[in-house]
Amino acid sequence: MSYEEGNEEQIKELERLEQTGKSCLSKDALLRYGTLKSAYPEKAMNVITYLAKMIQVGKIDKKISDTELKEILKSMENQKKEINIRKI
């Protein structure tokens, strides 16, 4: 398998994850996701991966509203900020 084939497979996998994750978003949440994707593509991929995994394990069974998407984004942001560096 060449590098291009591996890269192509990764792109297809990301597209599949995005389709799965986007299927659970309401219209307003989908609009917010689109804005997030254009401004912060890495954050958008993290959110959509999280949503796709939650759908696959059955934790999400309804449409995610814009407010719920904001809460998910906040919780993901807070997890990152909890890193503390201490001097010895």
PDB file of N, CA and C in Angstrom:
ATOM      1  N   MET A   1       0.858  -1.183   0.000  1.00  0.00           N
ATOM      2  CA  MET A   1       0.000   0.000   0.000  1.00  0.00           C
ATOM      3  C   MET A   1       0.899   1.240   0.000  1.00  0.00           C
ATOM      4  N   SER A   2       0.649   2.133  -0.918  1.00  0.00           N
ATOM      5  CA  SER A   2       1.451   3.336  -1.018  1.00  0.00           C
ATOM      6  C   SER A   2       0.936   4.414  -0.077  1.00  0.00           C
ATOM      7  N   TYR A   3       1.710   5.477   0.059  1.00  0.00           N
ATOM      8  CA  TYR A   3       1.341   6.595   0.923  1.00  0.00           C
ATOM      9  C   TYR A   3       0.030   7.223   0.468  1.00  0.00           C
ATOM     10  N   GLU A   4      -0.131   7.380  -0.846  1.00  0.00           N
ATOM     11  CA  GLU A   4      -1.347   7.996  -1.384  1.00  0.00           C
ATOM     12  C   GLU A   4      -2.579   7.151  -1.088  1.00  0.00           C
ATOM     13  N   GLU A   5      -2.444   5.829  -1.164  1.00  0.00           N
ATOM     14  CA  GLU A   5      -3.575   4.952  -0.859  1.00  0.00           C
ATOM     15  C   GLU A   5      -3.948   5.054   0.614  1.00  0.00           C
ATOM     16  N   GLY A   6      -2.948   5.100   1.493  1.00  0.00           N
ATOM     17  CA  GLY A   6      -3.198   5.240   2.927  1.00  0.00           C
ATOM     18  C   GLY A   6      -3.864   6.562   3.240  1.00  0.00           C
ATOM     19  N   ASN A   7      -3.415   7.611   2.590  1.00  0.00           N
ATOM     20  CA  ASN A   7      -3.991   8.946   2.788  1.00  0.00           C
ATOM     21  C   ASN A   7      -5.430   8.981   2.285  1.00  0.00           C
ATOM     22  N   GLU A   8      -5.672   8.320   1.166  1.00  0.00           N
ATOM     23  CA  GLU A   8      -7.019   8.260   0.597  1.00  0.00           C
ATOM     24  C   GLU A   8      -7.975   7.547   1.550  1.00  0.00           C
ATOM     25  N   GLU A   9      -7.495   6.477   2.160  1.00  0.00           N
ATOM     26  CA  GLU A   9      -8.318   5.724   3.115  1.00  0.00           C
ATOM     27  C   GLU A   9      -8.627   6.573   4.353  1.00  0.00           C
ATOM     28  N   GLN A  10      -7.659   7.332   4.813  1.00  0.00           N
ATOM     29  CA  GLN A  10      -7.878   8.216   5.966  1.00  0.00           C
ATOM     30  C   GLN A  10      -8.924   9.277   5.642  1.00  0.00           C
ATOM     31  N   ILE A  11      -8.865   9.829   4.459  1.00  0.00           N
ATOM     32  CA  ILE A  11      -9.831  10.845   4.045  1.00  0.00           C
ATOM     33  C   ILE A  11     -11.229  10.242   3.996  1.00  0.00           C
ATOM     34  N   LYS A  12     -11.345   9.034   3.447  1.00  0.00           N
ATOM     35  CA  LYS A  12     -12.652   8.367   3.388  1.00  0.00           C
ATOM     36  C   LYS A  12     -13.183   8.077   4.789  1.00  0.00           C
ATOM     37  N   GLU A  13     -12.304   7.654   5.693  1.00  0.00           N
ATOM     38  CA  GLU A  13     -12.709   7.378   7.069  1.00  0.00           C
ATOM     39  C   GLU A  13     -13.188   8.653   7.764  1.00  0.00           C
ATOM     40  N   LEU A  14     -12.478   9.766   7.555  1.00  0.00           N
ATOM     41  CA  LEU A  14     -12.889  11.044   8.137  1.00  0.00           C
ATOM     42  C   LEU A  14     -14.234  11.496   7.569  1.00  0.00           C
ATOM     43  N   GLU A  15     -14.436  11.310   6.278  1.00  0.00           N
ATOM     44  CA  GLU A  15     -15.708  11.678   5.661  1.00  0.00           C
ATOM     45  C   GLU A  15     -16.855  10.833   6.232  1.00  0.00           C
ATOM     46  N   ARG A  16     -16.592   9.541   6.451  1.00  0.00           N
ATOM     47  CA  ARG A  16     -17.605   8.655   7.024  1.00  0.00           C
ATOM     48  C   ARG A  16     -17.942   9.085   8.457  1.00  0.00           C
ATOM     49  N   LEU A  17     -16.908   9.399   9.239  1.00  0.00           N
ATOM     50  CA  LEU A  17     -17.128   9.883  10.604  1.00  0.00           C
ATOM     51  C   LEU A  17     -17.932  11.176  10.603  1.00  0.00           C
ATOM     52  N   GLU A  18     -17.595  12.072   9.673  1.00  0.00           N
ATOM     53  CA  GLU A  18     -18.297  13.348   9.601  1.00  0.00           C
ATOM     54  C   GLU A  18     -19.771  13.141   9.243  1.00  0.00           C
ATOM     55  N   GLN A  19     -20.047  12.259   8.307  1.00  0.00           N
ATOM     56  CA  GLN A  19     -21.443  11.979   7.938  1.00  0.00           C
ATOM     57  C   GLN A  19     -22.208  11.421   9.130  1.00  0.00           C
ATOM     58  N   THR A  20     -21.583  10.508   9.865  1.00  0.00           N
ATOM     59  CA  THR A  20     -22.227   9.911  11.039  1.00  0.00           C
ATOM     60  C   THR A  20     -22.489  10.974  12.091  1.00  0.00           C
ATOM     61  N   GLY A  21     -21.484  11.790  12.386  1.00  0.00           N
ATOM     62  CA  GLY A  21     -21.625  12.826  13.407  1.00  0.00           C
ATOM     63  C   GLY A  21     -22.629  13.896  13.024  1.00  0.00           C
ATOM     64  N   LYS A  22     -22.618  14.300  11.769  1.00  0.00           N
ATOM     65  CA  LYS A  22     -23.535  15.351  11.318  1.00  0.00           C
ATOM     66  C   LYS A  22     -24.984  14.895  11.295  1.00  0.00           C
ATOM     67  N   SER A  23     -25.198  13.592  11.203  1.00  0.00           N
ATOM     68  CA  SER A  23     -26.571  13.081  11.139  1.00  0.00           C
ATOM     69  C   SER A  23     -27.349  13.341  12.423  1.00  0.00           C
ATOM     70  N   CYS A  24     -26.655  13.578  13.534  1.00  0.00           N
ATOM     71  CA  CYS A  24     -27.351  13.780  14.811  1.00  0.00           C
ATOM     72  C   CYS A  24     -27.481  15.263  15.166  1.00  0.00           C
ATOM     73  N   LEU A  25     -27.060  16.160  14.297  1.00  0.00           N
ATOM     74  CA  LEU A  25     -27.100  17.595  14.600  1.00  0.00           C
ATOM     75  C   LEU A  25     -28.369  18.251  14.048  1.00  0.00           C
ATOM     76  N   SER A  26     -28.947  19.145  14.847  1.00  0.00           N
ATOM     77  CA  SER A  26     -30.087  19.938  14.368  1.00  0.00           C
ATOM     78  C   SER A  26     -29.568  20.966  13.362  1.00  0.00           C
ATOM     79  N   LYS A  27     -30.479  21.692  12.724  1.00  0.00           N
ATOM     80  CA  LYS A  27     -30.068  22.684  11.722  1.00  0.00           C
ATOM     81  C   LYS A  27     -29.164  23.751  12.326  1.00  0.00           C
ATOM     82  N   ASP A  28     -29.533  24.265  13.505  1.00  0.00           N
ATOM     83  CA  ASP A  28     -28.717  25.297  14.151  1.00  0.00           C
ATOM     84  C   ASP A  28     -27.354  24.749  14.559  1.00  0.00           C
ATOM     85  N   ALA A  29     -27.339  23.539  15.087  1.00  0.00           N
ATOM     86  CA  ALA A  29     -26.076  22.924  15.499  1.00  0.00           C
ATOM     87  C   ALA A  29     -25.195  22.648  14.280  1.00  0.00           C
ATOM     88  N   LEU A  30     -25.814  22.261  13.182  1.00  0.00           N
ATOM     89  CA  LEU A  30     -25.072  22.005  11.947  1.00  0.00           C
ATOM     90  C   LEU A  30     -24.440  23.292  11.417  1.00  0.00           C
ATOM     91  N   LEU A  31     -25.165  24.390  11.547  1.00  0.00           N
ATOM     92  CA  LEU A  31     -24.629  25.693  11.151  1.00  0.00           C
ATOM     93  C   LEU A  31     -23.425  26.061  12.027  1.00  0.00           C
ATOM     94  N   ARG A  32     -23.558  25.838  13.335  1.00  0.00           N
ATOM     95  CA  ARG A  32     -22.449  26.113  14.257  1.00  0.00           C
ATOM     96  C   ARG A  32     -21.260  25.228  13.921  1.00  0.00           C
ATOM     97  N   TYR A  33     -21.507  23.963  13.614  1.00  0.00           N
ATOM     98  CA  TYR A  33     -20.430  23.050  13.254  1.00  0.00           C
ATOM     99  C   TYR A  33     -19.702  23.532  11.998  1.00  0.00           C
ATOM    100  N   GLY A  34     -20.453  23.999  11.006  1.00  0.00           N
ATOM    101  CA  GLY A  34     -19.842  24.511   9.778  1.00  0.00           C
ATOM    102  C   GLY A  34     -18.944  25.708  10.044  1.00  0.00           C
ATOM    103  N   THR A  35     -19.400  26.600  10.916  1.00  0.00           N
ATOM    104  CA  THR A  35     -18.597  27.761  11.287  1.00  0.00           C
ATOM    105  C   THR A  35     -17.338  27.320  12.030  1.00  0.00           C
ATOM    106  N   LEU A  36     -17.504  26.380  12.945  1.00  0.00           N
ATOM    107  CA  LEU A  36     -16.370  25.857  13.699  1.00  0.00           C
ATOM    108  C   LEU A  36     -15.363  25.185  12.773  1.00  0.00           C
ATOM    109  N   LYS A  37     -15.866  24.434  11.809  1.00  0.00           N
ATOM    110  CA  LYS A  37     -14.990  23.721  10.877  1.00  0.00           C
ATOM    111  C   LYS A  37     -14.155  24.685  10.043  1.00  0.00           C
ATOM    112  N   SER A  38     -14.748  25.807   9.640  1.00  0.00           N
ATOM    113  CA  SER A  38     -13.988  26.761   8.829  1.00  0.00           C
ATOM    114  C   SER A  38     -12.983  27.539   9.674  1.00  0.00           C
ATOM    115  N   ALA A  39     -13.302  27.790  10.940  1.00  0.00           N
ATOM    116  CA  ALA A  39     -12.402  28.568  11.800  1.00  0.00           C
ATOM    117  C   ALA A  39     -11.378  27.684  12.514  1.00  0.00           C
ATOM    118  N   TYR A  40     -11.826  26.524  13.012  1.00  0.00           N
ATOM    119  CA  TYR A  40     -10.965  25.625  13.790  1.00  0.00           C
ATOM    120  C   TYR A  40     -11.175  24.180  13.319  1.00  0.00           C
ATOM    121  N   PRO A  41     -10.557  23.800  12.210  1.00  0.00           N
ATOM    122  CA  PRO A  41     -10.790  22.465  11.653  1.00  0.00           C
ATOM    123  C   PRO A  41     -10.442  21.325  12.616  1.00  0.00           C
ATOM    124  N   GLU A  42      -9.400  21.505  13.419  1.00  0.00           N
ATOM    125  CA  GLU A  42      -8.996  20.441  14.346  1.00  0.00           C
ATOM    126  C   GLU A  42     -10.049  20.233  15.443  1.00  0.00           C
ATOM    127  N   LYS A  43     -10.571  21.334  15.993  1.00  0.00           N
ATOM    128  CA  LYS A  43     -11.625  21.228  17.003  1.00  0.00           C
ATOM    129  C   LYS A  43     -12.872  20.582  16.413  1.00  0.00           C
ATOM    130  N   ALA A  44     -13.195  20.959  15.184  1.00  0.00           N
ATOM    131  CA  ALA A  44     -14.369  20.402  14.519  1.00  0.00           C
ATOM    132  C   ALA A  44     -14.221  18.892  14.338  1.00  0.00           C
ATOM    133  N   MET A  45     -13.041  18.436  13.959  1.00  0.00           N
ATOM    134  CA  MET A  45     -12.810  17.005  13.793  1.00  0.00           C
ATOM    135  C   MET A  45     -12.912  16.281  15.134  1.00  0.00           C
ATOM    136  N   ASN A  46     -12.408  16.902  16.199  1.00  0.00           N
ATOM    137  CA  ASN A  46     -12.515  16.290  17.529  1.00  0.00           C
ATOM    138  C   ASN A  46     -13.973  16.146  17.944  1.00  0.00           C
ATOM    139  N   VAL A  47     -14.769  17.175  17.713  1.00  0.00           N
ATOM    140  CA  VAL A  47     -16.188  17.144  18.083  1.00  0.00           C
ATOM    141  C   VAL A  47     -16.933  16.108  17.264  1.00  0.00           C
ATOM    142  N   ILE A  48     -16.703  16.089  15.968  1.00  0.00           N
ATOM    143  CA  ILE A  48     -17.439  15.171  15.108  1.00  0.00           C
ATOM    144  C   ILE A  48     -17.039  13.723  15.395  1.00  0.00           C
ATOM    145  N   THR A  49     -15.773  13.495  15.738  1.00  0.00           N
ATOM    146  CA  THR A  49     -15.316  12.159  16.120  1.00  0.00           C
ATOM    147  C   THR A  49     -15.988  11.721  17.409  1.00  0.00           C
ATOM    148  N   TYR A  50     -16.062  12.633  18.364  1.00  0.00           N
ATOM    149  CA  TYR A  50     -16.736  12.353  19.637  1.00  0.00           C
ATOM    150  C   TYR A  50     -18.208  11.988  19.401  1.00  0.00           C
ATOM    151  N   LEU A  51     -18.893  12.796  18.599  1.00  0.00           N
ATOM    152  CA  LEU A  51     -20.306  12.541  18.321  1.00  0.00           C
ATOM    153  C   LEU A  51     -20.504  11.198  17.611  1.00  0.00           C
ATOM    154  N   ALA A  52     -19.643  10.905  16.642  1.00  0.00           N
ATOM    155  CA  ALA A  52     -19.759   9.643  15.905  1.00  0.00           C
ATOM    156  C   ALA A  52     -19.574   8.450  16.841  1.00  0.00           C
ATOM    157  N   LYS A  53     -18.616   8.559  17.760  1.00  0.00           N
ATOM    158  CA  LYS A  53     -18.393   7.469  18.711  1.00  0.00           C
ATOM    159  C   LYS A  53     -19.586   7.308  19.650  1.00  0.00           C
ATOM    160  N   MET A  54     -20.161   8.415  20.089  1.00  0.00           N
ATOM    161  CA  MET A  54     -21.320   8.349  20.975  1.00  0.00           C
ATOM    162  C   MET A  54     -22.525   7.724  20.263  1.00  0.00           C
ATOM    163  N   ILE A  55     -22.673   8.001  18.977  1.00  0.00           N
ATOM    164  CA  ILE A  55     -23.748   7.394  18.198  1.00  0.00           C
ATOM    165  C   ILE A  55     -23.514   5.888  18.082  1.00  0.00           C
ATOM    166  N   GLN A  56     -22.272   5.498  17.810  1.00  0.00           N
ATOM    167  CA  GLN A  56     -21.951   4.091  17.617  1.00  0.00           C
ATOM    168  C   GLN A  56     -22.192   3.266  18.875  1.00  0.00           C
ATOM    169  N   VAL A  57     -21.950   3.844  20.053  1.00  0.00           N
ATOM    170  CA  VAL A  57     -22.173   3.097  21.293  1.00  0.00           C
ATOM    171  C   VAL A  57     -23.594   3.257  21.812  1.00  0.00           C
ATOM    172  N   GLY A  58     -24.403   4.053  21.131  1.00  0.00           N
ATOM    173  CA  GLY A  58     -25.811   4.184  21.479  1.00  0.00           C
ATOM    174  C   GLY A  58     -26.123   5.214  22.554  1.00  0.00           C
ATOM    175  N   LYS A  59     -25.205   6.117  22.835  1.00  0.00           N
ATOM    176  CA  LYS A  59     -25.450   7.138  23.861  1.00  0.00           C
ATOM    177  C   LYS A  59     -26.229   8.327  23.312  1.00  0.00           C
ATOM    178  N   ILE A  60     -26.247   8.491  21.999  1.00  0.00           N
ATOM    179  CA  ILE A  60     -27.009   9.573  21.374  1.00  0.00           C
ATOM    180  C   ILE A  60     -28.083   8.935  20.513  1.00  0.00           C
ATOM    181  N   ASP A  61     -29.334   9.276  20.818  1.00  0.00           N
ATOM    182  CA  ASP A  61     -30.436   8.708  20.045  1.00  0.00           C
ATOM    183  C   ASP A  61     -31.413   9.771  19.560  1.00  0.00           C
ATOM    184  N   LYS A  62     -31.021  11.044  19.700  1.00  0.00           N
ATOM    185  CA  LYS A  62     -31.866  12.142  19.239  1.00  0.00           C
ATOM    186  C   LYS A  62     -30.981  13.207  18.618  1.00  0.00           C
ATOM    187  N   LYS A  63     -31.615  14.211  18.029  1.00  0.00           N
ATOM    188  CA  LYS A  63     -30.862  15.315  17.430  1.00  0.00           C
ATOM    189  C   LYS A  63     -30.226  16.164  18.529  1.00  0.00           C
ATOM    190  N   ILE A  64     -28.992  16.580  18.315  1.00  0.00           N
ATOM    191  CA  ILE A  64     -28.276  17.455  19.241  1.00  0.00           C
ATOM    192  C   ILE A  64     -28.634  18.892  18.875  1.00  0.00           C
ATOM    193  N   SER A  65     -29.120  19.651  19.857  1.00  0.00           N
ATOM    194  CA  SER A  65     -29.470  21.051  19.611  1.00  0.00           C
ATOM    195  C   SER A  65     -28.211  21.914  19.645  1.00  0.00           C
ATOM    196  N   ASP A  66     -28.357  23.151  19.229  1.00  0.00           N
ATOM    197  CA  ASP A  66     -27.251  24.093  19.238  1.00  0.00           C
ATOM    198  C   ASP A  66     -26.723  24.286  20.660  1.00  0.00           C
ATOM    199  N   THR A  67     -27.630  24.391  21.621  1.00  0.00           N
ATOM    200  CA  THR A  67     -27.235  24.573  23.024  1.00  0.00           C
ATOM    201  C   THR A  67     -26.439  23.370  23.521  1.00  0.00           C
ATOM    202  N   GLU A  68     -26.886  22.175  23.177  1.00  0.00           N
ATOM    203  CA  GLU A  68     -26.169  20.965  23.596  1.00  0.00           C
ATOM    204  C   GLU A  68     -24.793  20.886  22.940  1.00  0.00           C
ATOM    205  N   LEU A  69     -24.701  21.306  21.685  1.00  0.00           N
ATOM    206  CA  LEU A  69     -23.406  21.322  21.007  1.00  0.00           C
ATOM    207  C   LEU A  69     -22.461  22.305  21.679  1.00  0.00           C
ATOM    208  N   LYS A  70     -22.986  23.462  22.088  1.00  0.00           N
ATOM    209  CA  LYS A  70     -22.157  24.437  22.812  1.00  0.00           C
ATOM    210  C   LYS A  70     -21.629  23.829  24.106  1.00  0.00           C
ATOM    211  N   GLU A  71     -22.482  23.086  24.820  1.00  0.00           N
ATOM    212  CA  GLU A  71     -22.061  22.443  26.068  1.00  0.00           C
ATOM    213  C   GLU A  71     -20.967  21.404  25.807  1.00  0.00           C
ATOM    214  N   ILE A  72     -21.102  20.654  24.737  1.00  0.00           N
ATOM    215  CA  ILE A  72     -20.076  19.665  24.390  1.00  0.00           C
ATOM    216  C   ILE A  72     -18.758  20.378  24.097  1.00  0.00           C
ATOM    217  N   LEU A  73     -18.825  21.474  23.348  1.00  0.00           N
ATOM    218  CA  LEU A  73     -17.609  22.231  23.026  1.00  0.00           C
ATOM    219  C   LEU A  73     -16.961  22.777  24.295  1.00  0.00           C
ATOM    220  N   LYS A  74     -17.786  23.297  25.210  1.00  0.00           N
ATOM    221  CA  LYS A  74     -17.250  23.820  26.470  1.00  0.00           C
ATOM    222  C   LYS A  74     -16.585  22.719  27.280  1.00  0.00           C
ATOM    223  N   SER A  75     -17.212  21.563  27.355  1.00  0.00           N
ATOM    224  CA  SER A  75     -16.644  20.471  28.137  1.00  0.00           C
ATOM    225  C   SER A  75     -15.328  19.990  27.533  1.00  0.00           C
ATOM    226  N   MET A  76     -15.234  19.960  26.216  1.00  0.00           N
ATOM    227  CA  MET A  76     -13.986  19.555  25.566  1.00  0.00           C
ATOM    228  C   MET A  76     -12.895  20.596  25.802  1.00  0.00           C
ATOM    229  N   GLU A  77     -13.267  21.852  25.832  1.00  0.00           N
ATOM    230  CA  GLU A  77     -12.315  22.929  26.072  1.00  0.00           C
ATOM    231  C   GLU A  77     -11.816  22.881  27.518  1.00  0.00           C
ATOM    232  N   ASN A  78     -12.724  22.619  28.463  1.00  0.00           N
ATOM    233  CA  ASN A  78     -12.356  22.552  29.874  1.00  0.00           C
ATOM    234  C   ASN A  78     -11.413  21.394  30.154  1.00  0.00           C
ATOM    235  N   GLN A  79     -11.581  20.285  29.478  1.00  0.00           N
ATOM    236  CA  GLN A  79     -10.699  19.147  29.665  1.00  0.00           C
ATOM    237  C   GLN A  79      -9.265  19.511  29.299  1.00  0.00           C
ATOM    238  N   LYS A  80      -9.114  20.304  28.277  1.00  0.00           N
ATOM    239  CA  LYS A  80      -7.791  20.693  27.831  1.00  0.00           C
ATOM    240  C   LYS A  80      -7.131  21.665  28.811  1.00  0.00           C
ATOM    241  N   LYS A  81      -7.913  22.516  29.461  1.00  0.00           N
ATOM    242  CA  LYS A  81      -7.371  23.531  30.342  1.00  0.00           C
ATOM    243  C   LYS A  81      -6.956  22.989  31.699  1.00  0.00           C
ATOM    244  N   GLU A  82      -7.275  21.744  32.023  1.00  0.00           N
ATOM    245  CA  GLU A  82      -6.979  21.201  33.330  1.00  0.00           C
ATOM    246  C   GLU A  82      -5.540  20.792  33.526  1.00  0.00           C
ATOM    247  N   ILE A  83      -4.696  20.955  32.544  1.00  0.00           N
ATOM    248  CA  ILE A  83      -3.297  20.565  32.636  1.00  0.00           C
ATOM    249  C   ILE A  83      -2.563  21.578  33.516  1.00  0.00           C
ATOM    250  N   ASN A  84      -1.905  21.074  34.550  1.00  0.00           N
ATOM    251  CA  ASN A  84      -1.135  21.924  35.452  1.00  0.00           C
ATOM    252  C   ASN A  84       0.344  21.553  35.371  1.00  0.00           C
ATOM    253  N   ILE A  85       1.179  22.570  35.327  1.00  0.00           N
ATOM    254  CA  ILE A  85       2.617  22.352  35.310  1.00  0.00           C
ATOM    255  C   ILE A  85       3.177  22.880  36.627  1.00  0.00           C
ATOM    256  N   ARG A  86       3.888  22.039  37.325  1.00  0.00           N
ATOM    257  CA  ARG A  86       4.439  22.428  38.624  1.00  0.00           C
ATOM    258  C   ARG A  86       5.945  22.441  38.563  1.00  0.00           C
ATOM    259  N   LYS A  87       6.541  23.421  39.188  1.00  0.00           N
ATOM    260  CA  LYS A  87       7.994  23.474  39.290  1.00  0.00           C
ATOM    261  C   LYS A  87       8.430  22.635  40.478  1.00  0.00           C
ATOM    262  N   ILE A  88       9.532  21.980  40.304  1.00  0.00           N
ATOM    263  CA  ILE A  88      10.051  21.129  41.381  1.00  0.00           C
ATOM    264  C   ILE A  88      11.158  21.852  42.111  1.00  0.00           C
TER     265      ILE A  88
END
